[in-house]
Amino acid sequence: MKRSIFYSLTVVFVFLLQAGGNYFAGMSGFSANVVLVVVLYFGLSRGPMAGLLLGFLWGLMVDASSLGLLGLHALLYSAAGYFSGMLRRQLDEDKGWTQVIFSLMVSALYLAAYFVVEHLFSPSPRPLRWPMAAQPLINGAMAPPVFWFMRRWSYLWNAHPQEE
């Protein structure tokens, strides 16, 4: 029961944090993709299925609250979660530089895939603006505090991943 409350609260709070960040900083283009960094955390710490499922859930929530292509964020977040989960044995999630570099690289791939898919399938694709290039840098910079907080949050709920 405690674990399900942990996951439910985490899903709601991270989504609200992302929505609030988009509301206040989204128009400037200098916004962080908190959901992506948290999906990477869950993929690296709990494996590909946790990253995929949570990424899909958050993606559907983001898609339902936006006016873009339905399912685009769900596809990209679940792919990022699965990819990070597949690399969890090769990467040390506790090292700060690993978190920064991995978040920066996956964020850049996410942004590129987002614009390619949106350009191919959207009747009116969004224009590219230069501040959007800062999002991978912002995600990379905020990855260590987010990973630290998520690790402490899971230990608080006694929902930390068990060693296999």
N, C-alpha and C. Protein backbone atom coordinates (compact mmCIF):
# COMPACT_ATOMS: atom_id res chain seq x y z
N MET A 1 0.82 -1.19 0.00
CA MET A 1 0.00 0.00 0.00
C MET A 1 0.87 1.26 0.00
N LYS A 2 1.94 1.20 0.80
CA LYS A 2 2.81 2.35 0.90
C LYS A 2 3.49 2.65 -0.44
N ARG A 3 3.86 1.60 -1.15
CA ARG A 3 4.52 1.77 -2.44
C ARG A 3 3.58 2.38 -3.48
N SER A 4 2.31 1.99 -3.45
CA SER A 4 1.36 2.55 -4.41
C SER A 4 1.07 4.03 -4.10
N ILE A 5 1.06 4.39 -2.83
CA ILE A 5 0.91 5.80 -2.47
C ILE A 5 2.13 6.59 -2.93
N PHE A 6 3.31 6.00 -2.77
CA PHE A 6 4.55 6.64 -3.23
C PHE A 6 4.48 6.94 -4.73
N TYR A 7 4.12 5.93 -5.52
CA TYR A 7 4.06 6.13 -6.97
C TYR A 7 2.96 7.11 -7.36
N SER A 8 1.81 7.04 -6.71
CA SER A 8 0.71 7.95 -7.03
C SER A 8 1.08 9.40 -6.74
N LEU A 9 1.64 9.64 -5.56
CA LEU A 9 2.05 11.01 -5.22
C LEU A 9 3.18 11.50 -6.13
N THR A 10 4.09 10.62 -6.46
CA THR A 10 5.20 11.00 -7.34
C THR A 10 4.67 11.41 -8.71
N VAL A 11 3.76 10.62 -9.26
CA VAL A 11 3.20 10.93 -10.58
C VAL A 11 2.48 12.28 -10.55
N VAL A 12 1.68 12.51 -9.54
CA VAL A 12 0.91 13.76 -9.45
C VAL A 12 1.83 14.96 -9.24
N PHE A 13 2.77 14.86 -8.30
CA PHE A 13 3.63 16.00 -7.99
C PHE A 13 4.56 16.35 -9.15
N VAL A 14 5.12 15.34 -9.81
CA VAL A 14 6.02 15.63 -10.93
C VAL A 14 5.24 16.25 -12.08
N PHE A 15 4.04 15.76 -12.34
CA PHE A 15 3.23 16.35 -13.40
C PHE A 15 2.87 17.79 -13.07
N LEU A 16 2.49 18.06 -11.83
CA LEU A 16 2.16 19.44 -11.44
C LEU A 16 3.38 20.35 -11.51
N LEU A 17 4.54 19.83 -11.16
CA LEU A 17 5.77 20.61 -11.27
C LEU A 17 6.07 20.94 -12.73
N GLN A 18 5.89 19.96 -13.61
CA GLN A 18 6.10 20.21 -15.04
C GLN A 18 5.09 21.21 -15.59
N ALA A 19 3.84 21.04 -15.23
CA ALA A 19 2.80 21.96 -15.71
C ALA A 19 3.03 23.37 -15.20
N GLY A 20 3.41 23.50 -13.94
CA GLY A 20 3.72 24.82 -13.38
C GLY A 20 4.92 25.47 -14.05
N GLY A 21 5.95 24.68 -14.30
CA GLY A 21 7.12 25.20 -15.00
C GLY A 21 6.80 25.65 -16.41
N ASN A 22 5.96 24.87 -17.09
CA ASN A 22 5.55 25.27 -18.45
C ASN A 22 4.69 26.52 -18.42
N TYR A 23 3.87 26.66 -17.40
CA TYR A 23 3.00 27.83 -17.30
C TYR A 23 3.81 29.11 -17.08
N PHE A 24 4.78 29.03 -16.17
CA PHE A 24 5.52 30.24 -15.81
C PHE A 24 6.71 30.52 -16.72
N ALA A 25 7.38 29.49 -17.22
CA ALA A 25 8.58 29.72 -18.01
C ALA A 25 8.47 29.20 -19.44
N GLY A 26 7.38 28.58 -19.78
CA GLY A 26 7.25 27.95 -21.09
C GLY A 26 7.23 28.91 -22.25
N MET A 27 6.66 30.07 -22.08
CA MET A 27 6.59 31.03 -23.18
C MET A 27 7.96 31.60 -23.54
N SER A 28 8.85 31.66 -22.57
CA SER A 28 10.19 32.17 -22.87
C SER A 28 11.03 31.16 -23.60
N GLY A 29 10.68 29.88 -23.50
CA GLY A 29 11.46 28.84 -24.13
C GLY A 29 12.52 28.26 -23.21
N PHE A 30 12.84 28.96 -22.14
CA PHE A 30 13.83 28.49 -21.17
C PHE A 30 13.13 27.68 -20.09
N SER A 31 12.68 26.50 -20.43
CA SER A 31 12.01 25.69 -19.43
C SER A 31 12.70 24.32 -19.35
N ALA A 32 12.57 23.71 -18.20
CA ALA A 32 13.15 22.39 -17.98
C ALA A 32 12.10 21.32 -18.24
N ASN A 33 12.56 20.17 -18.63
CA ASN A 33 11.68 19.03 -18.83
C ASN A 33 11.86 18.11 -17.62
N VAL A 34 11.18 18.45 -16.54
CA VAL A 34 11.31 17.72 -15.28
C VAL A 34 10.86 16.27 -15.45
N VAL A 35 9.80 16.06 -16.20
CA VAL A 35 9.29 14.70 -16.39
C VAL A 35 10.35 13.82 -17.04
N LEU A 36 11.05 14.33 -18.02
CA LEU A 36 12.07 13.55 -18.70
C LEU A 36 13.19 13.15 -17.75
N VAL A 37 13.64 14.07 -16.92
CA VAL A 37 14.72 13.77 -15.99
C VAL A 37 14.26 12.74 -14.95
N VAL A 38 13.02 12.85 -14.48
CA VAL A 38 12.51 11.88 -13.50
C VAL A 38 12.31 10.52 -14.16
N VAL A 39 11.88 10.49 -15.41
CA VAL A 39 11.77 9.22 -16.14
C VAL A 39 13.14 8.57 -16.27
N LEU A 40 14.16 9.37 -16.55
CA LEU A 40 15.52 8.83 -16.62
C LEU A 40 15.96 8.27 -15.27
N TYR A 41 15.59 8.96 -14.20
CA TYR A 41 15.91 8.46 -12.85
C TYR A 41 15.26 7.09 -12.62
N PHE A 42 13.98 6.98 -12.92
CA PHE A 42 13.30 5.71 -12.68
C PHE A 42 13.83 4.61 -13.58
N GLY A 43 14.19 4.94 -14.81
CA GLY A 43 14.77 3.93 -15.69
C GLY A 43 16.11 3.45 -15.18
N LEU A 44 16.97 4.39 -14.77
CA LEU A 44 18.30 4.01 -14.29
C LEU A 44 18.26 3.32 -12.93
N SER A 45 17.33 3.67 -12.09
CA SER A 45 17.31 3.09 -10.75
C SER A 45 16.44 1.85 -10.62
N ARG A 46 15.39 1.74 -11.43
CA ARG A 46 14.46 0.63 -11.26
C ARG A 46 14.33 -0.28 -12.47
N GLY A 47 14.88 0.10 -13.59
CA GLY A 47 14.88 -0.77 -14.75
C GLY A 47 13.98 -0.31 -15.88
N PRO A 48 14.02 -1.05 -16.99
CA PRO A 48 13.31 -0.59 -18.19
C PRO A 48 11.80 -0.58 -18.06
N MET A 49 11.21 -1.52 -17.34
CA MET A 49 9.75 -1.55 -17.24
C MET A 49 9.22 -0.37 -16.42
N ALA A 50 9.90 -0.03 -15.35
CA ALA A 50 9.47 1.12 -14.54
C ALA A 50 9.61 2.41 -15.35
N GLY A 51 10.73 2.57 -16.05
CA GLY A 51 10.91 3.76 -16.87
C GLY A 51 9.88 3.84 -17.99
N LEU A 52 9.61 2.71 -18.63
CA LEU A 52 8.65 2.69 -19.73
C LEU A 52 7.24 3.00 -19.25
N LEU A 53 6.80 2.35 -18.18
CA LEU A 53 5.43 2.55 -17.70
C LEU A 53 5.21 3.95 -17.14
N LEU A 54 6.14 4.44 -16.34
CA LEU A 54 5.98 5.79 -15.80
C LEU A 54 6.11 6.84 -16.91
N GLY A 55 7.02 6.61 -17.85
CA GLY A 55 7.14 7.53 -18.97
C GLY A 55 5.88 7.57 -19.81
N PHE A 56 5.27 6.41 -20.04
CA PHE A 56 4.02 6.36 -20.80
C PHE A 56 2.90 7.08 -20.06
N LEU A 57 2.82 6.86 -18.75
CA LEU A 57 1.77 7.51 -17.95
C LEU A 57 1.93 9.02 -17.95
N TRP A 58 3.15 9.50 -17.67
CA TRP A 58 3.39 10.94 -17.68
C TRP A 58 3.20 11.52 -19.07
N GLY A 59 3.60 10.77 -20.09
CA GLY A 59 3.42 11.23 -21.46
C GLY A 59 1.96 11.42 -21.82
N LEU A 60 1.13 10.47 -21.41
CA LEU A 60 -0.31 10.62 -21.66
C LEU A 60 -0.88 11.82 -20.92
N MET A 61 -0.41 12.05 -19.71
CA MET A 61 -0.88 13.20 -18.94
C MET A 61 -0.46 14.51 -19.61
N VAL A 62 0.77 14.57 -20.08
CA VAL A 62 1.25 15.78 -20.76
C VAL A 62 0.50 15.97 -22.08
N ASP A 63 0.30 14.87 -22.82
CA ASP A 63 -0.44 14.97 -24.08
C ASP A 63 -1.88 15.41 -23.87
N ALA A 64 -2.49 14.92 -22.82
CA ALA A 64 -3.89 15.29 -22.56
C ALA A 64 -4.01 16.76 -22.16
N SER A 65 -2.96 17.33 -21.61
CA SER A 65 -3.03 18.72 -21.17
C SER A 65 -2.48 19.70 -22.19
N SER A 66 -2.04 19.22 -23.34
CA SER A 66 -1.48 20.13 -24.35
C SER A 66 -2.30 20.07 -25.63
N LEU A 67 -1.95 20.92 -26.54
CA LEU A 67 -2.67 20.98 -27.81
C LEU A 67 -1.88 20.37 -28.95
N GLY A 68 -0.82 19.63 -28.63
CA GLY A 68 0.01 19.02 -29.67
C GLY A 68 -0.54 17.68 -30.11
N LEU A 69 0.33 16.92 -30.75
CA LEU A 69 -0.05 15.59 -31.23
C LEU A 69 -0.31 14.67 -30.05
N LEU A 70 -1.43 14.00 -30.05
CA LEU A 70 -1.77 13.08 -28.97
C LEU A 70 -0.93 11.82 -29.08
N GLY A 71 -0.21 11.50 -28.04
CA GLY A 71 0.61 10.31 -28.00
C GLY A 71 2.08 10.56 -28.25
N LEU A 72 2.44 11.76 -28.69
CA LEU A 72 3.84 12.04 -28.99
C LEU A 72 4.71 12.01 -27.74
N HIS A 73 4.27 12.70 -26.69
CA HIS A 73 5.05 12.68 -25.45
C HIS A 73 5.05 11.30 -24.81
N ALA A 74 3.93 10.59 -24.89
CA ALA A 74 3.87 9.24 -24.34
C ALA A 74 4.88 8.33 -25.02
N LEU A 75 4.98 8.44 -26.32
CA LEU A 75 5.94 7.64 -27.07
C LEU A 75 7.38 8.00 -26.71
N LEU A 76 7.67 9.29 -26.67
CA LEU A 76 9.05 9.72 -26.42
C LEU A 76 9.48 9.49 -24.97
N TYR A 77 8.60 9.76 -24.01
CA TYR A 77 8.95 9.51 -22.61
C TYR A 77 9.12 8.02 -22.33
N SER A 78 8.25 7.20 -22.89
CA SER A 78 8.38 5.75 -22.64
C SER A 78 9.64 5.21 -23.32
N ALA A 79 9.99 5.73 -24.50
CA ALA A 79 11.23 5.30 -25.15
C ALA A 79 12.45 5.71 -24.33
N ALA A 80 12.43 6.92 -23.78
CA ALA A 80 13.54 7.39 -22.95
C ALA A 80 13.65 6.56 -21.67
N GLY A 81 12.52 6.25 -21.06
CA GLY A 81 12.54 5.42 -19.85
C GLY A 81 13.04 4.02 -20.11
N TYR A 82 12.62 3.43 -21.22
CA TYR A 82 13.07 2.08 -21.57
C TYR A 82 14.56 2.09 -21.90
N PHE A 83 15.01 3.07 -22.68
CA PHE A 83 16.41 3.19 -23.05
C PHE A 83 17.30 3.36 -21.82
N SER A 84 16.88 4.22 -20.90
CA SER A 84 17.69 4.42 -19.69
C SER A 84 17.68 3.16 -18.82
N GLY A 85 16.56 2.46 -18.79
CA GLY A 85 16.52 1.22 -18.03
C GLY A 85 17.41 0.14 -18.60
N MET A 86 17.53 0.11 -19.92
CA MET A 86 18.41 -0.88 -20.55
C MET A 86 19.88 -0.58 -20.27
N LEU A 87 20.20 0.67 -19.98
CA LEU A 87 21.58 1.05 -19.68
C LEU A 87 21.88 1.10 -18.19
N ARG A 88 20.98 0.65 -17.36
CA ARG A 88 21.16 0.82 -15.92
C ARG A 88 22.33 0.01 -15.38
N ARG A 89 22.68 -1.10 -16.00
CA ARG A 89 23.82 -1.89 -15.53
C ARG A 89 25.15 -1.31 -15.99
N GLN A 90 25.13 -0.51 -17.05
CA GLN A 90 26.36 0.08 -17.59
C GLN A 90 26.66 1.44 -16.99
N LEU A 91 25.67 2.13 -16.50
CA LEU A 91 25.86 3.48 -15.97
C LEU A 91 25.67 3.49 -14.46
N ASP A 92 26.48 4.29 -13.79
CA ASP A 92 26.34 4.44 -12.35
C ASP A 92 25.46 5.66 -12.08
N GLU A 93 24.24 5.40 -11.67
CA GLU A 93 23.26 6.48 -11.47
C GLU A 93 23.61 7.40 -10.31
N ASP A 94 24.51 7.00 -9.43
CA ASP A 94 24.84 7.80 -8.26
C ASP A 94 25.89 8.88 -8.55
N LYS A 95 26.59 8.77 -9.64
CA LYS A 95 27.63 9.75 -9.97
C LYS A 95 27.02 10.97 -10.65
N GLY A 96 27.38 12.14 -10.18
CA GLY A 96 26.82 13.38 -10.70
C GLY A 96 27.11 13.61 -12.17
N TRP A 97 28.34 13.34 -12.59
CA TRP A 97 28.67 13.57 -14.00
C TRP A 97 27.93 12.62 -14.92
N THR A 98 27.70 11.40 -14.47
CA THR A 98 26.89 10.47 -15.27
C THR A 98 25.48 11.01 -15.43
N GLN A 99 24.91 11.53 -14.37
CA GLN A 99 23.57 12.09 -14.43
C GLN A 99 23.51 13.28 -15.39
N VAL A 100 24.50 14.16 -15.30
CA VAL A 100 24.52 15.36 -16.14
C VAL A 100 24.67 14.99 -17.61
N ILE A 101 25.66 14.18 -17.92
CA ILE A 101 25.95 13.85 -19.32
C ILE A 101 24.82 13.03 -19.92
N PHE A 102 24.32 12.04 -19.17
CA PHE A 102 23.25 11.20 -19.70
C PHE A 102 21.97 12.00 -19.90
N SER A 103 21.62 12.86 -18.96
CA SER A 103 20.43 13.70 -19.11
C SER A 103 20.57 14.67 -20.27
N LEU A 104 21.75 15.23 -20.42
CA LEU A 104 21.98 16.16 -21.52
C LEU A 104 21.84 15.45 -22.87
N MET A 105 22.44 14.28 -23.00
CA MET A 105 22.39 13.56 -24.27
C MET A 105 20.97 13.09 -24.60
N VAL A 106 20.28 12.51 -23.62
CA VAL A 106 18.93 12.03 -23.87
C VAL A 106 17.98 13.20 -24.13
N SER A 107 18.19 14.32 -23.45
CA SER A 107 17.36 15.50 -23.68
C SER A 107 17.55 16.05 -25.10
N ALA A 108 18.79 16.04 -25.58
CA ALA A 108 19.04 16.50 -26.95
C ALA A 108 18.38 15.55 -27.96
N LEU A 109 18.48 14.24 -27.73
CA LEU A 109 17.81 13.27 -28.61
C LEU A 109 16.30 13.42 -28.55
N TYR A 110 15.78 13.64 -27.34
CA TYR A 110 14.34 13.83 -27.16
C TYR A 110 13.85 15.05 -27.93
N LEU A 111 14.58 16.15 -27.81
CA LEU A 111 14.19 17.37 -28.49
C LEU A 111 14.23 17.21 -30.00
N ALA A 112 15.28 16.55 -30.50
CA ALA A 112 15.38 16.32 -31.94
C ALA A 112 14.25 15.42 -32.44
N ALA A 113 13.99 14.34 -31.72
CA ALA A 113 12.91 13.43 -32.12
C ALA A 113 11.55 14.12 -32.04
N TYR A 114 11.37 14.95 -31.04
CA TYR A 114 10.11 15.67 -30.90
C TYR A 114 9.84 16.55 -32.12
N PHE A 115 10.84 17.32 -32.54
CA PHE A 115 10.63 18.22 -33.67
C PHE A 115 10.51 17.48 -34.99
N VAL A 116 11.22 16.37 -35.13
CA VAL A 116 11.09 15.59 -36.37
C VAL A 116 9.69 15.00 -36.48
N VAL A 117 9.22 14.35 -35.41
CA VAL A 117 7.90 13.73 -35.45
C VAL A 117 6.81 14.78 -35.58
N GLU A 118 6.95 15.89 -34.87
CA GLU A 118 5.94 16.94 -34.97
C GLU A 118 5.92 17.55 -36.38
N HIS A 119 7.09 17.71 -36.98
CA HIS A 119 7.14 18.27 -38.33
C HIS A 119 6.51 17.31 -39.35
N LEU A 120 6.69 16.02 -39.14
CA LEU A 120 6.14 15.04 -40.08
C LEU A 120 4.63 14.89 -39.97
N PHE A 121 4.08 14.94 -38.76
CA PHE A 121 2.68 14.59 -38.57
C PHE A 121 1.76 15.74 -38.20
N SER A 122 2.29 16.86 -37.79
CA SER A 122 1.44 17.97 -37.37
C SER A 122 1.08 18.85 -38.57
N PRO A 123 -0.19 19.24 -38.66
CA PRO A 123 -0.56 20.13 -39.77
C PRO A 123 0.04 21.52 -39.65
N SER A 124 0.33 21.94 -38.43
CA SER A 124 0.95 23.25 -38.22
C SER A 124 2.07 23.11 -37.19
N PRO A 125 3.26 22.69 -37.63
CA PRO A 125 4.36 22.51 -36.67
C PRO A 125 4.78 23.83 -36.04
N ARG A 126 5.28 23.73 -34.83
CA ARG A 126 5.73 24.92 -34.11
C ARG A 126 7.05 25.40 -34.69
N PRO A 127 7.27 26.70 -34.67
CA PRO A 127 8.55 27.22 -35.18
C PRO A 127 9.68 26.90 -34.19
N LEU A 128 10.85 26.71 -34.74
CA LEU A 128 12.02 26.50 -33.90
C LEU A 128 12.53 27.85 -33.41
N ARG A 129 12.79 27.94 -32.12
CA ARG A 129 13.34 29.16 -31.54
C ARG A 129 14.63 28.80 -30.83
N TRP A 130 15.57 29.71 -30.81
CA TRP A 130 16.87 29.41 -30.24
C TRP A 130 16.85 29.08 -28.75
N PRO A 131 15.94 29.64 -27.92
CA PRO A 131 15.97 29.27 -26.50
C PRO A 131 15.66 27.78 -26.26
N MET A 132 15.02 27.13 -27.22
CA MET A 132 14.73 25.71 -27.06
C MET A 132 16.00 24.87 -27.01
N ALA A 133 17.07 25.37 -27.59
CA ALA A 133 18.35 24.65 -27.55
C ALA A 133 18.93 24.61 -26.14
N ALA A 134 18.44 25.47 -25.27
CA ALA A 134 18.94 25.50 -23.90
C ALA A 134 18.31 24.41 -23.04
N GLN A 135 17.21 23.80 -23.49
CA GLN A 135 16.54 22.81 -22.65
C GLN A 135 17.43 21.61 -22.29
N PRO A 136 18.20 21.03 -23.22
CA PRO A 136 19.10 19.95 -22.79
C PRO A 136 20.13 20.41 -21.76
N LEU A 137 20.62 21.65 -21.89
CA LEU A 137 21.58 22.16 -20.91
C LEU A 137 20.92 22.34 -19.54
N ILE A 138 19.70 22.85 -19.54
CA ILE A 138 18.97 23.03 -18.28
C ILE A 138 18.68 21.67 -17.64
N ASN A 139 18.26 20.70 -18.46
CA ASN A 139 17.98 19.36 -17.93
C ASN A 139 19.24 18.72 -17.36
N GLY A 140 20.36 18.89 -18.06
CA GLY A 140 21.61 18.34 -17.56
C GLY A 140 22.03 18.99 -16.25
N ALA A 141 21.83 20.30 -16.14
CA ALA A 141 22.21 21.00 -14.91
C ALA A 141 21.32 20.64 -13.73
N MET A 142 20.05 20.36 -14.00
CA MET A 142 19.15 20.06 -12.88
C MET A 142 19.07 18.57 -12.57
N ALA A 143 19.75 17.73 -13.35
CA ALA A 143 19.68 16.28 -13.12
C ALA A 143 20.22 15.87 -11.74
N PRO A 144 21.40 16.32 -11.30
CA PRO A 144 21.87 15.87 -9.97
C PRO A 144 20.93 16.23 -8.82
N PRO A 145 20.38 17.47 -8.75
CA PRO A 145 19.44 17.73 -7.66
C PRO A 145 18.16 16.89 -7.76
N VAL A 146 17.68 16.67 -8.98
CA VAL A 146 16.46 15.87 -9.14
C VAL A 146 16.73 14.43 -8.75
N PHE A 147 17.85 13.85 -9.18
CA PHE A 147 18.18 12.47 -8.79
C PHE A 147 18.34 12.37 -7.28
N TRP A 148 19.01 13.35 -6.68
CA TRP A 148 19.20 13.34 -5.23
C TRP A 148 17.85 13.39 -4.52
N PHE A 149 16.98 14.31 -4.96
CA PHE A 149 15.68 14.43 -4.32
C PHE A 149 14.85 13.17 -4.50
N MET A 150 14.84 12.58 -5.69
CA MET A 150 14.05 11.38 -5.93
C MET A 150 14.57 10.21 -5.10
N ARG A 151 15.88 10.12 -4.93
CA ARG A 151 16.45 9.06 -4.09
C ARG A 151 16.00 9.24 -2.64
N ARG A 152 16.05 10.47 -2.14
CA ARG A 152 15.62 10.74 -0.76
C ARG A 152 14.12 10.52 -0.61
N TRP A 153 13.34 10.90 -1.60
CA TRP A 153 11.89 10.72 -1.60
C TRP A 153 11.55 9.23 -1.53
N SER A 154 12.25 8.41 -2.28
CA SER A 154 11.96 6.97 -2.25
C SER A 154 12.39 6.34 -0.93
N TYR A 155 13.49 6.80 -0.35
CA TYR A 155 13.88 6.29 0.96
C TYR A 155 12.91 6.73 2.05
N LEU A 156 12.36 7.91 1.93
CA LEU A 156 11.37 8.39 2.88
C LEU A 156 10.15 7.47 2.91
N TRP A 157 9.74 6.99 1.75
CA TRP A 157 8.58 6.11 1.64
C TRP A 157 8.96 4.63 1.73
N ASN A 158 10.25 4.37 1.95
CA ASN A 158 10.76 3.00 1.98
C ASN A 158 10.41 2.28 0.68
N ALA A 159 10.53 2.99 -0.44
CA ALA A 159 10.21 2.45 -1.75
C ALA A 159 11.45 2.43 -2.65
N HIS A 160 12.63 2.40 -2.03
CA HIS A 160 13.85 2.38 -2.81
C HIS A 160 13.99 1.03 -3.51
N PRO A 161 14.69 1.01 -4.65
CA PRO A 161 14.81 -0.24 -5.39
C PRO A 161 15.63 -1.27 -4.62
N GLN A 162 15.21 -2.48 -4.71
CA GLN A 162 15.90 -3.58 -4.04
C GLN A 162 16.98 -4.14 -4.96
N GLU A 163 18.10 -4.50 -4.40
CA GLU A 163 19.17 -5.10 -5.19
C GLU A 163 18.78 -6.51 -5.57
N GLU A 164 19.11 -6.89 -6.79
CA GLU A 164 18.74 -8.22 -7.27
C GLU A 164 19.84 -9.21 -7.01
